[in-house]
Each structure stands twice: as C-alpha cells, then as structure tokens.
Amino acid sequence: MNIPEDLKYTKEHEWVKVDGNTATVGITDYAQGELGDIVFIELPQVGDELTHMQSFGTIEAVKAVSDIYSPLSGKVVEVNSALEDEPMAINRDPYGDGWMLKMEISNPPEVEQLLDAGFYGELVGA
C-alpha cells in the first residue's frame, strides 16, 4: 500500500497536497483498493464552495457507491475532467493521474487537523 510521506490525509481516506493556498485532493491507494474497479465519479464544478468534511461528490465502483468528503473548506478552482471518461485512472494512479480537484483553501488552520502519513498508515494497518 502506497502512503506518500509528503501528503496529508483524512480518516475518510482522502489525501491532500497543500501548495501555498491551493490544495489538490484525491482518494488514497487504500480507498481505491477497498472500492475495487471504479466505474463512475461525480465531482463538483469549478467555483463551488466546499465545506470541511462535507460530501462533495460520489464515487461508484463495482462493489459500492461512496461519498467523497472535502478535507478542507474552500473554493474549487480546477476539476480533473479526464476522470469523467476514465475513472479507473483513480485505481491505476490515485496520487497522480487520479487526482480529483484543486481548491483554494479558505480556512488554513484546517490543514493542521489533517493526518500525516505515519498516523494514516496506523489507521489503515499499513
């Protein structure tokens, strides 16, 4: 199981890469493995305001449909539209081509509530 050290994580299995005031968000390698083959994803639109730990979309796999939660509050500035045609990119490369959205962080102290790689690894038994 891949848990990059340079990312932050949520207990709901989202990952976050913070770069200044922008956060890139996706689901973890653990999450995609638990879901199985991903067949559909519903993401927000550019300009949508997301709220910390509120659902911003759904991900549908052969095994289940799951909500995706926003790890931070902020405004969506970019969405990975390639996932509409190829949602299995999340299975192949959850931390690369499988990223879901980029957001402008509106409440920076929320970043401190995210988990580091070590704690996330303990959470998932890695």
C-alpha atoms as a PDB file:
ATOM      1  CA  MET A   1       0.000   0.000   0.000  1.00  0.00           C
ATOM      2  CA  ASN A   2       1.366   3.381  -1.035  1.00  0.00           C
ATOM      3  CA  ILE A   3       1.169   6.232   1.527  1.00  0.00           C
ATOM      4  CA  PRO A   4       3.339   9.138   0.310  1.00  0.00           C
ATOM      5  CA  GLU A   5       5.083  10.999   3.128  1.00  0.00           C
ATOM      6  CA  ASP A   6       4.597  14.436   1.525  1.00  0.00           C
ATOM      7  CA  LEU A   7       0.778  14.323   1.644  1.00  0.00           C
ATOM      8  CA  LYS A   8      -1.825  14.851   4.377  1.00  0.00           C
ATOM      9  CA  TYR A   9      -4.781  12.502   4.935  1.00  0.00           C
ATOM     10  CA  THR A  10      -8.265  12.245   6.423  1.00  0.00           C
ATOM     11  CA  LYS A  11      -9.805   9.385   8.396  1.00  0.00           C
ATOM     12  CA  GLU A  12     -12.279   9.119   5.493  1.00  0.00           C
ATOM     13  CA  HIS A  13      -9.364   8.197   3.152  1.00  0.00           C
ATOM     14  CA  GLU A  14      -8.897  11.397   1.150  1.00  0.00           C
ATOM     15  CA  TRP A  15      -5.394  12.723   0.507  1.00  0.00           C
ATOM     16  CA  VAL A  16      -4.365  16.367   0.259  1.00  0.00           C
ATOM     17  CA  LYS A  17      -1.310  18.019  -1.235  1.00  0.00           C
ATOM     18  CA  VAL A  18      -1.001  21.583   0.024  1.00  0.00           C
ATOM     19  CA  ASP A  19       0.934  24.051  -2.116  1.00  0.00           C
ATOM     20  CA  GLY A  20       0.662  27.549  -0.680  1.00  0.00           C
ATOM     21  CA  ASN A  21      -3.055  28.385  -0.581  1.00  0.00           C
ATOM     22  CA  THR A  22      -4.018  25.607  -3.027  1.00  0.00           C
ATOM     23  CA  ALA A  23      -4.870  22.023  -2.131  1.00  0.00           C
ATOM     24  CA  THR A  24      -5.024  19.098  -4.544  1.00  0.00           C
ATOM     25  CA  VAL A  25      -7.428  16.372  -3.371  1.00  0.00           C
ATOM     26  CA  GLY A  26      -7.976  12.707  -4.199  1.00  0.00           C
ATOM     27  CA  ILE A  27      -8.656   9.372  -2.524  1.00  0.00           C
ATOM     28  CA  THR A  28      -5.920   7.169  -1.120  1.00  0.00           C
ATOM     29  CA  ASP A  29      -4.447   3.985  -2.501  1.00  0.00           C
ATOM     30  CA  TYR A  30      -6.111   2.164   0.408  1.00  0.00           C
ATOM     31  CA  ALA A  31      -9.534   3.599  -0.504  1.00  0.00           C
ATOM     32  CA  GLN A  32      -9.312   2.726  -4.198  1.00  0.00           C
ATOM     33  CA  GLY A  33      -8.222  -0.800  -3.262  1.00  0.00           C
ATOM     34  CA  GLU A  34     -11.179  -1.241  -0.931  1.00  0.00           C
ATOM     35  CA  LEU A  35     -13.608   0.093  -3.552  1.00  0.00           C
ATOM     36  CA  GLY A  36     -12.350  -2.069  -6.409  1.00  0.00           C
ATOM     37  CA  ASP A  37     -12.777  -1.105 -10.051  1.00  0.00           C
ATOM     38  CA  ILE A  38     -14.084   2.472 -10.205  1.00  0.00           C
ATOM     39  CA  VAL A  39     -16.692   2.951 -12.927  1.00  0.00           C
ATOM     40  CA  PHE A  40     -18.076   6.461 -12.304  1.00  0.00           C
ATOM     41  CA  ILE A  41     -17.260   9.615 -10.369  1.00  0.00           C
ATOM     42  CA  GLU A  42     -19.351  12.709  -9.678  1.00  0.00           C
ATOM     43  CA  LEU A  43     -17.334  15.822  -8.851  1.00  0.00           C
ATOM     44  CA  PRO A  44     -18.263  19.431  -8.075  1.00  0.00           C
ATOM     45  CA  GLN A  45     -17.995  22.301 -10.566  1.00  0.00           C
ATOM     46  CA  VAL A  46     -15.280  24.954 -10.701  1.00  0.00           C
ATOM     47  CA  GLY A  47     -16.426  27.806  -8.459  1.00  0.00           C
ATOM     48  CA  ASP A  48     -18.309  25.573  -5.999  1.00  0.00           C
ATOM     49  CA  GLU A  49     -17.657  26.288  -2.329  1.00  0.00           C
ATOM     50  CA  LEU A  50     -16.750  23.197  -0.306  1.00  0.00           C
ATOM     51  CA  THR A  51     -17.075  22.833   3.452  1.00  0.00           C
ATOM     52  CA  HIS A  52     -14.664  20.905   5.666  1.00  0.00           C
ATOM     53  CA  MET A  53     -15.782  17.262   5.999  1.00  0.00           C
ATOM     54  CA  GLN A  54     -18.947  17.699   3.935  1.00  0.00           C
ATOM     55  CA  SER A  55     -19.583  15.447   0.934  1.00  0.00           C
ATOM     56  CA  PHE A  56     -18.590  16.999  -2.392  1.00  0.00           C
ATOM     57  CA  GLY A  57     -19.308  14.082  -4.682  1.00  0.00           C
ATOM     58  CA  THR A  58     -19.667  10.353  -5.081  1.00  0.00           C
ATOM     59  CA  ILE A  59     -17.507   7.587  -6.414  1.00  0.00           C
ATOM     60  CA  GLU A  60     -19.076   4.438  -7.828  1.00  0.00           C
ATOM     61  CA  ALA A  61     -17.226   1.164  -8.020  1.00  0.00           C
ATOM     62  CA  VAL A  62     -18.218  -2.386  -8.819  1.00  0.00           C
ATOM     63  CA  LYS A  63     -18.503  -3.092  -5.060  1.00  0.00           C
ATOM     64  CA  ALA A  64     -20.110   0.095  -3.701  1.00  0.00           C
ATOM     65  CA  VAL A  65     -21.018   3.759  -4.034  1.00  0.00           C
ATOM     66  CA  SER A  66     -19.264   6.074  -1.574  1.00  0.00           C
ATOM     67  CA  ASP A  67     -19.357   9.745  -0.728  1.00  0.00           C
ATOM     68  CA  ILE A  68     -16.168  11.777  -1.104  1.00  0.00           C
ATOM     69  CA  TYR A  69     -15.547  14.313   1.664  1.00  0.00           C
ATOM     70  CA  SER A  70     -13.804  17.640   1.454  1.00  0.00           C
ATOM     71  CA  PRO A  71     -10.735  17.595   3.685  1.00  0.00           C
ATOM     72  CA  LEU A  72     -10.740  21.408   3.808  1.00  0.00           C
ATOM     73  CA  SER A  73     -13.043  24.362   3.249  1.00  0.00           C
ATOM     74  CA  GLY A  74     -12.540  26.358   0.087  1.00  0.00           C
ATOM     75  CA  LYS A  75     -13.463  27.113  -3.499  1.00  0.00           C
ATOM     76  CA  VAL A  76     -12.968  24.622  -6.334  1.00  0.00           C
ATOM     77  CA  VAL A  77     -10.512  26.115  -8.839  1.00  0.00           C
ATOM     78  CA  GLU A  78      -9.938  23.057 -11.048  1.00  0.00           C
ATOM     79  CA  VAL A  79     -11.551  19.650 -11.594  1.00  0.00           C
ATOM     80  CA  ASN A  80      -9.858  16.645 -13.195  1.00  0.00           C
ATOM     81  CA  SER A  81     -12.304  16.316 -16.098  1.00  0.00           C
ATOM     82  CA  ALA A  82     -10.303  13.380 -17.514  1.00  0.00           C
ATOM     83  CA  LEU A  83     -11.892  11.224 -14.795  1.00  0.00           C
ATOM     84  CA  GLU A  84     -15.297  11.546 -16.496  1.00  0.00           C
ATOM     85  CA  ASP A  85     -14.047   9.408 -19.391  1.00  0.00           C
ATOM     86  CA  GLU A  86     -11.535   7.348 -17.459  1.00  0.00           C
ATOM     87  CA  PRO A  87     -12.493   6.955 -13.772  1.00  0.00           C
ATOM     88  CA  MET A  88     -10.208   3.916 -13.475  1.00  0.00           C
ATOM     89  CA  ALA A  89      -7.265   6.346 -13.502  1.00  0.00           C
ATOM     90  CA  ILE A  90      -8.012   6.545  -9.770  1.00  0.00           C
ATOM     91  CA  ASN A  91      -7.303   2.806  -9.451  1.00  0.00           C
ATOM     92  CA  ARG A  92      -4.119   2.974 -11.530  1.00  0.00           C
ATOM     93  CA  ASP A  93      -2.602   6.151 -10.088  1.00  0.00           C
ATOM     94  CA  PRO A  94      -4.556   7.588  -7.121  1.00  0.00           C
ATOM     95  CA  TYR A  95      -1.827  10.119  -6.261  1.00  0.00           C
ATOM     96  CA  GLY A  96      -1.051  11.163  -9.842  1.00  0.00           C
ATOM     97  CA  ASP A  97      -3.484  10.982 -12.762  1.00  0.00           C
ATOM     98  CA  GLY A  98      -6.282  10.084 -10.329  1.00  0.00           C
ATOM     99  CA  TRP A  99      -6.365  13.443  -8.530  1.00  0.00           C
ATOM    100  CA  MET A 100      -9.907  14.816  -8.308  1.00  0.00           C
ATOM    101  CA  LEU A 101      -9.866  18.553  -7.708  1.00  0.00           C
ATOM    102  CA  LYS A 102      -7.851  21.575  -6.730  1.00  0.00           C
ATOM    103  CA  MET A 103      -9.227  24.082  -4.283  1.00  0.00           C
ATOM    104  CA  GLU A 104      -8.321  27.471  -2.892  1.00  0.00           C
ATOM    105  CA  ILE A 105      -8.130  26.995   0.882  1.00  0.00           C
ATOM    106  CA  SER A 106     -10.416  29.400   2.765  1.00  0.00           C
ATOM    107  CA  ASN A 107      -9.621  28.270   6.328  1.00  0.00           C
ATOM    108  CA  PRO A 108      -5.881  27.447   6.569  1.00  0.00           C
ATOM    109  CA  PRO A 109      -5.988  26.229  10.217  1.00  0.00           C
ATOM    110  CA  GLU A 110      -7.976  23.187   8.991  1.00  0.00           C
ATOM    111  CA  VAL A 111      -4.750  21.887   7.414  1.00  0.00           C
ATOM    112  CA  GLU A 112      -3.432  21.246  10.941  1.00  0.00           C
ATOM    113  CA  GLN A 113      -6.334  18.824  11.571  1.00  0.00           C
ATOM    114  CA  LEU A 114      -5.222  16.504   8.747  1.00  0.00           C
ATOM    115  CA  LEU A 115      -3.277  13.314   9.437  1.00  0.00           C
ATOM    116  CA  ASP A 116       0.346  12.759   8.495  1.00  0.00           C
ATOM    117  CA  ALA A 117       1.445   9.646   6.600  1.00  0.00           C
ATOM    118  CA  GLY A 118       2.544   7.806   9.749  1.00  0.00           C
ATOM    119  CA  PHE A 119      -0.761   8.261  11.555  1.00  0.00           C
ATOM    120  CA  TYR A 120      -2.764   7.418   8.419  1.00  0.00           C
ATOM    121  CA  GLY A 121      -0.683   4.262   7.959  1.00  0.00           C
ATOM    122  CA  GLU A 122      -1.514   3.199  11.527  1.00  0.00           C
ATOM    123  CA  LEU A 123      -5.206   3.912  10.872  1.00  0.00           C
ATOM    124  CA  VAL A 124      -5.316   1.557   7.880  1.00  0.00           C
ATOM    125  CA  GLY A 125      -2.963  -1.038   9.327  1.00  0.00           C
ATOM    126  CA  ALA A 126      -0.105  -0.429   6.916  1.00  0.00           C
END
